[in-house]
């Protein structure tokens, strides 16, 4: 595990990127929904045909690539948040151990 200082240095680099990445993903998701809705409506009206099938297959491929891109872009941020969480919970565990150490002789009293 990275040292606490490394964790917070990484956070200073990664966390500021989160909003921009999220907004970009939100915009891409909105466009994807529009494209899927349009194709679904076309199929509802005209039925599935060869062109609609090809368009759906192309769209599925594009959505899968976009999903992979989303995961790659957010991974450094979510890893950093996880590392920060671990740093905090590690400190809390140390305090819990100190409480336990103090309670042991008290319980014998």
C-alpha atoms as a PDB file:
ATOM      1  CA  UNK A   1       0.000   0.000   0.000  1.00  0.00           C
ATOM      2  CA  UNK A   2       1.169   3.509  -0.742  1.00  0.00           C
ATOM      3  CA  UNK A   3       2.254   5.722   2.099  1.00  0.00           C
ATOM      4  CA  UNK A   4      -0.276   8.231   3.365  1.00  0.00           C
ATOM      5  CA  UNK A   5       1.740  11.057   1.836  1.00  0.00           C
ATOM      6  CA  UNK A   6       1.703   9.304  -1.549  1.00  0.00           C
ATOM      7  CA  UNK A   7      -2.033   8.770  -1.254  1.00  0.00           C
ATOM      8  CA  UNK A   8      -2.722  12.444  -0.663  1.00  0.00           C
ATOM      9  CA  UNK A   9      -0.308  13.588  -3.374  1.00  0.00           C
ATOM     10  CA  UNK A  10      -2.116  11.299  -5.806  1.00  0.00           C
ATOM     11  CA  UNK A  11      -5.447  12.690  -4.581  1.00  0.00           C
ATOM     12  CA  UNK A  12      -4.291  16.223  -5.360  1.00  0.00           C
ATOM     13  CA  UNK A  13      -3.713  15.122  -8.953  1.00  0.00           C
ATOM     14  CA  UNK A  14      -6.707  12.844  -9.522  1.00  0.00           C
ATOM     15  CA  UNK A  15      -9.632  14.336  -7.601  1.00  0.00           C
ATOM     16  CA  UNK A  16      -9.690  17.656  -9.507  1.00  0.00           C
ATOM     17  CA  UNK A  17     -10.224  15.656 -12.723  1.00  0.00           C
ATOM     18  CA  UNK A  18     -13.363  13.982 -11.393  1.00  0.00           C
ATOM     19  CA  UNK A  19     -15.892  16.673 -12.244  1.00  0.00           C
ATOM     20  CA  UNK A  20     -14.704  17.079 -15.834  1.00  0.00           C
ATOM     21  CA  UNK A  21     -14.671  13.336 -16.407  1.00  0.00           C
ATOM     22  CA  UNK A  22     -18.110  12.944 -14.842  1.00  0.00           C
ATOM     23  CA  UNK A  23     -19.591  15.728 -16.973  1.00  0.00           C
ATOM     24  CA  UNK A  24     -18.035  14.264 -20.116  1.00  0.00           C
ATOM     25  CA  UNK A  25     -19.467  10.841 -19.266  1.00  0.00           C
ATOM     26  CA  UNK A  26     -22.844  12.411 -18.557  1.00  0.00           C
ATOM     27  CA  UNK A  27     -22.863  14.069 -21.985  1.00  0.00           C
ATOM     28  CA  UNK A  28     -21.822  10.829 -23.720  1.00  0.00           C
ATOM     29  CA  UNK A  29     -24.494   8.893 -21.845  1.00  0.00           C
ATOM     30  CA  UNK A  30     -27.149  11.397 -22.882  1.00  0.00           C
ATOM     31  CA  UNK A  31     -26.137  11.084 -26.548  1.00  0.00           C
ATOM     32  CA  UNK A  32     -26.110   7.297 -26.259  1.00  0.00           C
ATOM     33  CA  UNK A  33     -29.618   7.305 -24.789  1.00  0.00           C
ATOM     34  CA  UNK A  34     -30.841   9.474 -27.658  1.00  0.00           C
ATOM     35  CA  UNK A  35     -29.296   7.150 -30.246  1.00  0.00           C
ATOM     36  CA  UNK A  36     -30.728   4.032 -28.615  1.00  0.00           C
ATOM     37  CA  UNK A  37     -34.172   5.605 -28.178  1.00  0.00           C
ATOM     38  CA  UNK A  38     -34.212   6.667 -31.832  1.00  0.00           C
ATOM     39  CA  UNK A  39     -33.289   3.174 -33.023  1.00  0.00           C
ATOM     40  CA  UNK A  40     -35.798   1.503 -30.695  1.00  0.00           C
ATOM     41  CA  UNK A  41     -38.540   3.815 -31.994  1.00  0.00           C
ATOM     42  CA  UNK A  42     -37.599   3.027 -35.599  1.00  0.00           C
ATOM     43  CA  UNK A  43     -37.770  -0.698 -34.870  1.00  0.00           C
ATOM     44  CA  UNK A  44     -41.120  -0.258 -33.099  1.00  0.00           C
ATOM     45  CA  UNK A  45     -42.553   1.450 -36.183  1.00  0.00           C
ATOM     46  CA  UNK A  46     -40.885  -0.485 -39.005  1.00  0.00           C
ATOM     47  CA  UNK A  47     -39.873  -3.694 -37.307  1.00  0.00           C
ATOM     48  CA  UNK A  48     -36.410  -5.195 -37.218  1.00  0.00           C
ATOM     49  CA  UNK A  49     -34.825  -5.326 -40.647  1.00  0.00           C
ATOM     50  CA  UNK A  50     -31.298  -5.790 -41.933  1.00  0.00           C
ATOM     51  CA  UNK A  51     -30.384  -2.093 -41.683  1.00  0.00           C
ATOM     52  CA  UNK A  52     -31.796  -1.766 -38.162  1.00  0.00           C
ATOM     53  CA  UNK A  53     -29.986  -4.934 -37.159  1.00  0.00           C
ATOM     54  CA  UNK A  54     -26.663  -3.607 -38.492  1.00  0.00           C
ATOM     55  CA  UNK A  55     -27.256  -0.263 -36.781  1.00  0.00           C
ATOM     56  CA  UNK A  56     -28.068  -1.987 -33.489  1.00  0.00           C
ATOM     57  CA  UNK A  57     -24.939  -4.168 -33.714  1.00  0.00           C
ATOM     58  CA  UNK A  58     -22.809  -1.106 -34.508  1.00  0.00           C
ATOM     59  CA  UNK A  59     -24.371   0.829 -31.645  1.00  0.00           C
ATOM     60  CA  UNK A  60     -23.810  -2.032 -29.191  1.00  0.00           C
ATOM     61  CA  UNK A  61     -20.141  -2.171 -30.211  1.00  0.00           C
ATOM     62  CA  UNK A  62     -19.803   1.581 -29.771  1.00  0.00           C
ATOM     63  CA  UNK A  63     -21.528   1.469 -26.363  1.00  0.00           C
ATOM     64  CA  UNK A  64     -19.185  -1.304 -25.191  1.00  0.00           C
ATOM     65  CA  UNK A  65     -16.133   0.737 -26.257  1.00  0.00           C
ATOM     66  CA  UNK A  66     -17.539   3.795 -24.511  1.00  0.00           C
ATOM     67  CA  UNK A  67     -18.141   1.773 -21.352  1.00  0.00           C
ATOM     68  CA  UNK A  68     -14.528   0.565 -21.416  1.00  0.00           C
ATOM     69  CA  UNK A  69     -13.352   4.159 -21.853  1.00  0.00           C
ATOM     70  CA  UNK A  70     -15.548   5.307 -18.953  1.00  0.00           C
ATOM     71  CA  UNK A  71     -14.064   2.657 -16.664  1.00  0.00           C
ATOM     72  CA  UNK A  72     -10.487   3.492 -17.682  1.00  0.00           C
ATOM     73  CA  UNK A  73     -11.035   7.207 -17.077  1.00  0.00           C
ATOM     74  CA  UNK A  74     -12.689   6.830 -13.682  1.00  0.00           C
ATOM     75  CA  UNK A  75     -10.441   4.038 -12.351  1.00  0.00           C
ATOM     76  CA  UNK A  76      -7.599   6.299 -11.121  1.00  0.00           C
ATOM     77  CA  UNK A  77     -10.101   8.463  -9.269  1.00  0.00           C
ATOM     78  CA  UNK A  78     -11.977   5.609  -7.615  1.00  0.00           C
ATOM     79  CA  UNK A  79      -8.685   3.894  -6.698  1.00  0.00           C
ATOM     80  CA  UNK A  80      -7.533   7.117  -5.070  1.00  0.00           C
ATOM     81  CA  UNK A  81     -10.773   7.438  -3.108  1.00  0.00           C
ATOM     82  CA  UNK A  82     -10.407   3.805  -1.978  1.00  0.00           C
ATOM     83  CA  UNK A  83      -6.817   4.479  -0.877  1.00  0.00           C
ATOM     84  CA  UNK A  84      -7.967   7.533   1.090  1.00  0.00           C
ATOM     85  CA  UNK A  85     -10.686   5.450   2.749  1.00  0.00           C
ATOM     86  CA  UNK A  86      -8.107   2.817   3.690  1.00  0.00           C
ATOM     87  CA  UNK A  87      -5.846   5.504   5.182  1.00  0.00           C
ATOM     88  CA  UNK A  88      -8.688   6.802   7.367  1.00  0.00           C
ATOM     89  CA  UNK A  89      -9.868   3.360   8.455  1.00  0.00           C
ATOM     90  CA  UNK A  90      -6.278   2.392   9.274  1.00  0.00           C
ATOM     91  CA  UNK A  91      -6.055   5.332  11.677  1.00  0.00           C
ATOM     92  CA  UNK A  92      -9.406   4.388  13.179  1.00  0.00           C
ATOM     93  CA  UNK A  93      -8.226   0.800  13.666  1.00  0.00           C
ATOM     94  CA  UNK A  94      -5.184   2.078  15.548  1.00  0.00           C
ATOM     95  CA  UNK A  95      -7.430   4.026  17.920  1.00  0.00           C
ATOM     96  CA  UNK A  96      -9.708   1.010  18.370  1.00  0.00           C
ATOM     97  CA  UNK A  97      -6.650  -1.056  19.320  1.00  0.00           C
ATOM     98  CA  UNK A  98      -5.650   1.577  21.900  1.00  0.00           C
ATOM     99  CA  UNK A  99      -9.149   1.514  23.399  1.00  0.00           C
ATOM    100  CA  UNK A 100      -9.026  -2.272  23.590  1.00  0.00           C
ATOM    101  CA  UNK A 101      -5.603  -2.132  25.228  1.00  0.00           C
ATOM    102  CA  UNK A 102      -6.918   0.237  27.897  1.00  0.00           C
ATOM    103  CA  UNK A 103     -10.107  -1.724  28.493  1.00  0.00           C
ATOM    104  CA  UNK A 104      -8.326  -5.043  29.107  1.00  0.00           C
ATOM    105  CA  UNK A 105      -6.866  -4.056  32.507  1.00  0.00           C
ATOM    106  CA  UNK A 106     -10.058  -2.185  33.378  1.00  0.00           C
ATOM    107  CA  UNK A 107     -12.127  -5.325  32.782  1.00  0.00           C
ATOM    108  CA  UNK A 108      -9.912  -7.238  35.214  1.00  0.00           C
ATOM    109  CA  UNK A 109     -10.485  -4.624  37.887  1.00  0.00           C
END
